[in-house]
Protein backbone atom coordinates (compact mmCIF):
# COMPACT_ATOMS: atom_id res chain seq x y z
CA MET A 1 -25.73 10.79 -75.30
CA ALA A 2 -28.63 10.17 -73.11
CA LEU A 3 -26.13 7.24 -71.41
CA PHE A 4 -23.22 9.98 -70.61
CA VAL A 5 -25.86 12.11 -68.89
CA ILE A 6 -27.28 8.90 -66.99
CA ALA A 7 -23.68 7.76 -66.64
CA LEU A 8 -22.43 11.31 -65.54
CA VAL A 9 -24.95 11.71 -63.07
CA VAL A 10 -24.93 8.83 -61.19
CA SER A 11 -21.38 8.47 -60.87
CA VAL A 12 -21.52 12.06 -59.53
CA LEU A 13 -23.86 10.53 -56.59
CA PHE A 14 -21.94 7.59 -55.80
CA ALA A 15 -18.93 9.77 -55.36
CA PHE A 16 -20.21 11.83 -53.24
CA ILE A 17 -22.17 9.62 -50.97
CA LEU A 18 -19.14 7.46 -50.80
CA SER A 19 -17.41 10.63 -50.06
CA LEU A 20 -19.77 11.54 -47.25
CA GLY A 21 -20.17 7.92 -45.88
CA ILE A 22 -16.19 7.56 -45.74
CA VAL A 23 -15.56 10.77 -43.87
CA TYR A 24 -18.48 9.80 -41.66
CA PHE A 25 -16.60 7.07 -40.83
CA LYS A 26 -13.76 8.17 -39.77
CA GLN A 27 -14.67 11.05 -37.82
CA ASN A 28 -13.16 12.21 -34.90
CA PRO A 29 -14.80 12.15 -31.21
CA GLU A 30 -13.91 15.80 -31.15
CA ALA A 31 -16.22 16.15 -34.51
CA GLN A 32 -18.93 14.47 -32.38
CA LEU A 33 -18.62 16.33 -29.45
CA ARG A 34 -18.53 19.39 -31.54
CA LYS A 35 -21.56 18.31 -33.13
CA ARG A 36 -23.74 18.04 -29.83
CA LEU A 37 -22.99 21.45 -28.20
CA ASN A 38 -24.00 22.88 -31.42
CA ASP A 39 -27.69 21.07 -30.82
CA MET A 40 -27.66 21.71 -27.48
CA ILE A 41 -27.30 25.32 -28.41
CA GLU A 42 -29.67 25.60 -31.57
CA GLN A 43 -31.70 23.62 -28.86
CA ALA A 44 -31.33 26.94 -26.38
CA GLU A 45 -32.18 29.58 -28.74
CA ALA A 46 -35.26 27.78 -29.95
CA GLU A 47 -36.64 27.79 -26.23
CA ARG A 48 -35.44 31.11 -25.63
CA ALA A 49 -37.18 32.08 -29.35
CA ARG A 50 -40.44 30.56 -27.62
CA HIS A 51 -40.59 32.73 -24.92
CA PRO A 52 -38.87 36.04 -26.07
CA ARG A 53 -37.80 38.80 -23.04
CA LYS A 54 -39.90 42.12 -23.04
CA ARG A 55 -38.19 44.24 -24.19
CA LYS A 56 -38.29 48.11 -24.17
CA ASN A 57 -39.98 50.21 -26.98
CA LEU A 58 -36.99 52.84 -27.60
CA LYS A 59 -37.84 54.96 -30.78
CA PRO A 60 -34.93 55.75 -33.06
CA THR A 61 -33.58 58.92 -32.82
CA VAL A 62 -33.45 60.79 -36.36
CA VAL A 63 -31.08 63.22 -37.31
CA GLU A 64 -32.49 65.80 -39.47
CA PRO A 65 -29.99 68.13 -41.84
CA ALA A 66 -30.70 72.05 -41.47
CA PRO A 67 -32.92 73.30 -44.18
CA ASN A 68 -30.85 75.48 -45.56
CA ALA A 69 -27.50 73.03 -45.67
CA ALA A 70 -26.03 72.46 -49.29
CA VAL A 71 -26.23 68.37 -49.78
CA GLN A 72 -22.85 67.28 -51.81
CA VAL A 73 -23.03 64.23 -54.26
CA ILE A 74 -20.11 62.76 -54.52
CA ALA A 75 -20.18 60.23 -57.23
CA PRO A 76 -18.07 56.97 -56.72
CA ARG A 77 -15.47 56.30 -59.32
CA ASN A 78 -15.67 53.30 -60.82
CA ASP A 79 -11.89 52.59 -62.01
CA LYS A 80 -11.53 48.62 -60.83
CA SER A 81 -10.34 46.00 -62.97
CA PHE A 82 -12.62 43.24 -64.63
CA ARG A 83 -10.95 40.92 -62.78
CA ALA A 84 -12.37 42.66 -58.98
CA ARG A 85 -15.30 43.39 -61.03
CA VAL A 86 -16.76 40.30 -62.59
CA ILE A 87 -14.17 37.19 -61.97
CA GLN A 88 -13.72 37.64 -58.02
CA PRO A 89 -17.40 38.11 -57.45
CA LEU A 90 -18.48 34.97 -59.43
CA ILE A 91 -16.05 32.77 -57.31
CA ASN A 92 -16.56 34.11 -54.36
CA SER A 93 -20.61 32.98 -55.03
CA LEU A 94 -19.00 29.78 -56.33
CA ASN A 95 -17.33 28.82 -53.21
CA GLU A 96 -20.84 29.97 -51.13
CA ARG A 97 -23.16 27.58 -53.13
CA PHE A 98 -20.17 24.55 -53.14
CA GLN A 99 -20.11 25.55 -49.39
CA LYS A 100 -23.49 24.97 -48.16
CA LEU A 101 -22.90 21.10 -49.76
CA ALA A 102 -20.15 20.34 -47.08
CA PRO A 103 -21.21 19.00 -43.73
CA LYS A 104 -20.05 20.36 -40.70
CA GLU A 105 -17.99 17.22 -39.83
CA ILE A 106 -16.70 17.63 -43.66
CA LYS A 107 -15.86 21.45 -42.44
CA ALA A 108 -13.97 20.56 -39.34
CA GLN A 109 -12.00 17.88 -40.81
CA LEU A 110 -11.01 20.19 -44.03
CA GLU A 111 -10.38 22.79 -41.12
CA ASP A 112 -7.93 20.24 -39.14
CA LYS A 113 -5.74 18.92 -42.30
CA ILE A 114 -5.23 22.83 -43.52
CA PHE A 115 -4.23 23.45 -39.69
CA ARG A 116 -2.07 20.45 -39.48
CA ALA A 117 -0.93 21.53 -43.44
CA GLY A 118 0.23 24.67 -41.79
CA LYS A 119 -1.49 26.92 -44.04
CA THR A 120 -3.93 28.36 -41.80
CA GLY A 121 -5.05 31.68 -42.92
CA VAL A 122 -3.47 30.84 -46.40
CA TRP A 123 -5.68 28.18 -47.38
CA SER A 124 -9.78 28.13 -46.64
CA VAL A 125 -12.27 25.33 -46.58
CA GLN A 126 -14.10 27.02 -49.82
CA GLN A 127 -11.46 27.50 -51.76
CA LEU A 128 -10.77 23.48 -50.90
CA VAL A 129 -14.30 22.74 -51.40
CA THR A 130 -14.15 24.35 -54.77
CA ILE A 131 -11.43 22.87 -55.63
CA TRP A 132 -12.61 18.95 -54.79
CA ALA A 133 -15.61 20.03 -57.11
CA LEU A 134 -13.43 21.06 -59.97
CA SER A 135 -11.71 18.13 -59.52
CA ILE A 136 -14.66 15.43 -59.96
CA ILE A 137 -15.91 17.80 -63.03
CA GLY A 138 -12.83 18.37 -64.52
CA CYS A 139 -12.20 14.29 -64.17
CA THR A 140 -15.59 13.01 -65.50
CA PHE A 141 -15.10 15.54 -68.55
CA LEU A 142 -12.26 14.05 -69.39
CA GLY A 143 -13.66 10.13 -68.80
CA ILE A 144 -16.44 10.59 -70.83
CA LEU A 145 -13.64 12.27 -73.69
CA MET A 146 -11.62 9.39 -73.26
CA LEU A 147 -15.15 7.28 -74.34
CA ARG A 148 -15.88 8.91 -77.09
CA GLY A 149 -15.52 7.04 -80.11
CA VAL A 150 -14.75 3.57 -78.17
CA MET A 151 -17.15 0.99 -78.74
CA ILE A 152 -17.33 -0.64 -75.37
CA HIS A 153 -19.69 -2.56 -73.14
CA PRO A 154 -22.71 0.19 -71.26
CA VAL A 155 -21.68 -0.96 -68.22
CA GLN A 156 -17.96 -1.32 -68.81
CA GLN A 157 -18.45 2.82 -69.46
CA LEU A 158 -20.74 3.30 -66.34
CA PHE A 159 -17.30 1.89 -64.46
CA ILE A 160 -14.74 4.15 -66.31
CA ILE A 161 -16.84 7.17 -65.71
CA ALA A 162 -17.09 6.36 -61.80
CA LEU A 163 -13.75 5.60 -61.87
CA ALA A 164 -12.90 9.01 -63.08
CA VAL A 165 -15.11 10.83 -60.59
CA LEU A 166 -13.53 8.27 -58.02
CA MET A 167 -10.27 9.97 -58.77
CA GLY A 168 -11.08 13.67 -58.76
CA ALA A 169 -12.83 13.20 -55.97
CA GLY A 170 -9.66 11.51 -54.19
CA LEU A 171 -6.80 13.63 -56.34
CA PRO A 172 -7.20 17.06 -54.15
CA PHE A 173 -7.56 15.13 -50.41
CA ALA A 174 -4.34 12.90 -51.84
CA VAL A 175 -2.32 16.01 -52.94
CA LEU A 176 -3.69 17.83 -49.44
CA ASN A 177 -2.28 14.45 -47.32
CA SER A 178 1.29 14.62 -49.36
CA LYS A 179 2.22 17.89 -48.17
CA ILE A 180 0.96 17.37 -44.75
CA ARG A 181 3.37 14.08 -44.75
CA VAL A 182 6.57 15.90 -47.05
CA ARG A 183 5.71 18.63 -44.22
CA LYS A 184 6.21 16.25 -41.51
CA LYS A 185 9.47 14.69 -42.48
CA ASN A 186 11.04 17.83 -43.25
CA ILE A 187 10.42 18.72 -39.57
CA ARG A 188 11.42 15.16 -38.21
CA LYS A 189 14.65 15.81 -40.11
CA GLN A 190 15.43 19.41 -38.85
CA LEU A 191 14.03 18.75 -35.06
CA PRO A 192 17.33 17.52 -33.76
CA GLU A 193 19.65 19.84 -34.96
CA PHE A 194 17.43 22.56 -33.75
CA LEU A 195 17.64 20.64 -30.30
CA ASP A 196 21.21 20.65 -30.55
CA ILE A 197 21.69 24.64 -31.29
CA LEU A 198 18.74 25.32 -28.72
CA CYS A 199 20.67 23.67 -26.11
CA VAL A 200 23.92 25.30 -26.85
CA SER A 201 22.64 28.21 -26.75
CA VAL A 202 20.88 28.65 -23.33
CA GLN A 203 23.80 26.65 -22.04
CA ALA A 204 26.01 29.84 -23.59
CA GLY A 205 23.81 31.93 -21.39
CA LEU A 206 20.38 33.24 -23.93
CA SER A 207 16.93 32.71 -22.33
CA PHE A 208 14.72 29.99 -23.90
CA ASP A 209 12.42 33.26 -25.80
CA GLY A 210 16.44 34.83 -26.76
CA ALA A 211 17.38 31.57 -27.75
CA ILE A 212 14.57 30.68 -30.34
CA GLY A 213 14.57 34.40 -31.15
CA LYS A 214 18.39 34.62 -32.68
CA MET A 215 17.89 30.64 -34.42
CA THR A 216 14.36 32.00 -36.33
CA ARG A 217 16.50 34.81 -37.84
CA ARG A 218 19.08 32.51 -38.88
CA MET A 219 18.00 29.30 -40.14
CA ARG A 220 14.67 28.53 -42.33
CA GLY A 221 12.34 25.24 -42.93
CA PRO A 222 9.09 24.15 -41.67
CA LEU A 223 9.48 24.25 -37.80
CA ILE A 224 11.28 27.60 -38.07
CA ASP A 225 8.29 28.63 -39.28
CA GLU A 226 6.00 27.07 -36.83
CA PHE A 227 8.75 28.87 -33.88
CA ILE A 228 8.09 32.34 -35.64
CA ARG A 229 4.62 31.94 -34.97
CA MET A 230 4.66 30.80 -31.88
CA GLN A 231 6.58 33.89 -30.95
CA ASN A 232 4.11 35.95 -32.62
CA ASP A 233 1.58 34.47 -30.47
CA VAL A 234 3.64 34.97 -27.55
CA ALA A 235 4.18 38.37 -28.34
CA LEU A 236 -0.07 39.32 -29.22
CA GLY A 237 -0.39 38.14 -24.99
CA MET A 238 -0.91 34.27 -25.57
CA THR A 239 0.70 32.29 -22.66
CA HIS A 240 3.54 30.19 -23.77
CA GLN A 241 1.75 26.87 -22.19
CA TYR A 242 -1.16 27.57 -24.61
CA ALA A 243 1.48 28.46 -27.93
CA LEU A 244 3.71 25.66 -27.16
CA THR A 245 0.36 23.36 -27.44
CA ASN A 246 -0.67 25.07 -30.72
CA LEU A 247 2.69 24.10 -31.98
CA ALA A 248 2.82 20.56 -31.42
CA ARG A 249 -0.80 20.19 -33.16
CA ARG A 250 -0.21 21.85 -36.14
CA CYS A 251 3.10 19.71 -36.54
CA ASP A 252 0.90 16.75 -34.59
CA LEU A 253 4.15 14.64 -34.20
CA GLU A 254 5.22 12.46 -31.50
CA GLU A 255 8.74 14.28 -30.91
CA VAL A 256 7.22 17.55 -31.09
CA TYR A 257 4.70 16.79 -28.76
CA LEU A 258 7.36 15.05 -26.29
CA PHE A 259 9.50 18.47 -26.33
CA THR A 260 6.69 20.79 -25.81
CA THR A 261 5.40 18.81 -22.89
CA SER A 262 8.63 18.73 -21.09
CA VAL A 263 9.50 22.57 -21.68
CA ILE A 264 5.96 23.12 -20.02
CA GLN A 265 6.49 21.07 -17.24
CA ALA A 266 9.73 22.65 -16.48
CA GLU A 267 8.43 26.16 -16.67
CA LYS A 268 5.82 24.77 -14.17
CA LEU A 269 8.18 23.31 -11.68
CA GLY A 270 10.89 25.85 -12.06
CA THR A 271 13.13 22.85 -12.94
CA SER A 272 16.43 23.77 -15.00
CA MET A 273 16.04 24.30 -18.68
CA THR A 274 19.10 23.87 -19.90
CA ARG A 275 18.92 20.11 -18.01
CA THR A 276 15.52 19.74 -19.48
CA LEU A 277 16.67 21.13 -22.98
CA LYS A 278 19.73 18.28 -23.12
CA GLN A 279 17.84 15.73 -21.77
CA GLN A 280 15.35 16.12 -24.96
CA ALA A 281 18.55 17.09 -27.33
CA ASP A 282 19.74 13.43 -26.85
CA ASN A 283 16.64 12.43 -26.50
CA MET A 284 15.35 13.27 -30.23
CA ARG A 285 19.16 12.62 -31.75
CA ASP A 286 18.38 8.52 -30.60
CA ARG A 287 15.04 8.97 -31.72
CA HIS A 288 16.41 10.33 -35.17
CA ARG A 289 18.96 7.48 -35.52
CA GLN A 290 16.16 4.86 -35.04
CA TRP A 291 14.06 6.18 -37.48
CA VAL A 292 16.89 6.90 -39.85
CA LYS A 293 17.73 3.04 -39.56
CA ALA A 294 13.91 2.09 -39.41
CA MET A 295 14.11 3.24 -42.90
CA ALA A 296 16.84 1.74 -44.39
CA LEU A 297 15.32 -1.84 -43.46
CA LYS A 298 13.02 -0.46 -45.89
CA ALA A 299 14.43 0.30 -48.56
CA PRO A 300 14.91 -3.49 -49.57
CA VAL A 301 10.87 -4.25 -49.50
CA LYS A 302 10.26 -0.82 -51.17
CA ILE A 303 13.31 -1.93 -54.43
CA ILE A 304 11.46 -5.07 -55.30
CA PHE A 305 8.83 -3.30 -57.50
CA PRO A 306 11.18 -0.57 -59.44
CA MET A 307 13.67 -4.42 -60.19
CA VAL A 308 10.54 -6.40 -61.00
CA LEU A 309 9.09 -4.21 -63.27
CA PHE A 310 11.94 -1.80 -64.92
CA ILE A 311 15.35 -3.93 -64.04
CA PHE A 312 14.83 -7.24 -64.44
CA PRO A 313 13.12 -6.97 -68.11
CA SER A 314 16.00 -5.50 -69.60
CA ILE A 315 18.41 -8.13 -68.49
CA PHE A 316 15.89 -10.90 -69.50
CA VAL A 317 16.52 -9.26 -73.23
CA VAL A 318 20.13 -9.32 -72.83
CA LEU A 319 20.38 -12.55 -71.36
CA LEU A 320 17.56 -14.15 -73.31
CA PHE A 321 17.74 -12.63 -76.19
CA PRO A 322 20.66 -14.05 -78.26
CA ALA A 323 19.40 -17.73 -76.86
CA MET A 324 15.88 -16.90 -78.03
CA ILE A 325 17.33 -15.76 -81.94
CA SER A 326 19.98 -19.61 -81.84
CA LEU A 327 16.55 -21.50 -81.30
CA ILE A 328 14.12 -19.91 -83.69
CA ARG A 329 16.76 -20.05 -86.27
CA ALA A 330 17.61 -24.00 -85.15
CA PHE A 331 13.91 -25.18 -85.63
CA SER A 332 13.52 -23.05 -88.40
CA GLY A 333 16.31 -24.53 -90.22
C-alpha cells in the first residue's frame, strides 16, 4: 500500500511539472508581454504604497434612527434547494482552490483556447482547471485499480501509474483541441457558400449588414454563430473593424483573416463592396477546391493503417488457412 501511495504522489508531481514545462516553453510572445506589463504594474503599485499621498480625514456620516421609530425585522426565507445550498458552494470553493494552482501563463492560454473554441461566456478557466484535476485523479485511481492483484515489478507499476497520470492530464486538452479542429473544419466548409450568397445579396441591392442579417436568420452553423455575435457587438456600439477583427481571432483561420481584412480595407478606402466580395468569393472557392484536393491526396496514406490492421489479416486468413490445413495434414500423415 505504501508503494502505491508513493507512486501516486510521484506521478502526480511529475505530470504537473511536465505540463507546466510544456506550457511554459510553448507560450506565445503575447503571454510574455502580458507578464512584463503585470510586473511593471506591480512595481508601480509597490512604489505608490511606499510613498502614499496624504488624504483628508473624512468622518463618516452616521444616520441614527428616530427614537420612537418601529423597527421591523424580516426573517430571510430559506427555501433554496440542496444543490444551491451545499453542492454549488462546494463546487465554487473547489474551482477557486484549483484556480490558485494555475500560473498566469496557463490561465492566459486556457482563455485563448476557450476563445478559439467559441465558448466564451459558456466555459470558464476555473471549470477547465477543475475538470483537468479531476481527470488526473480519476485516471490515476483507475490505474491503481487495474494494478490490484497483478504481480509485476514495482518499476513497471510506477511506469503504468505515471502513464495513467499523463493520460488524465492530456485527456481534457485533447478533447478541447479536437473540438477546436472540428469547429475550424466546419467553418472552412461553410465559408465559400456563405460568401457566394453574401455576394449575390449585396449585388441585389442589400447593404453589407442587411445581407448578413438576412443570412443569419436563414442559415445555421458555427460560422453563422460568429456573425451573429459580430452583429451583437456592432449593435452594442463596437466598430465594424474591431468586430470583424474579433471574429477572425475567434475563427483563427487564414481564409477568415483574408475576408475580414479585405472588408475592412474596402470600408476604409471607400471601394466597391460588391467587387470586393466577388473577388473574395472566387478566391475562397478556389482555396476550398485546393483544400479538398489536398485531403483527397492524403486519403491513400491514411487508409494504409486500417488495411494493415483489419483488411490484410482477414485476407490472409481466407487465402492461407486452407493451404495451412493441407500442409498440416500432409506432414502429419
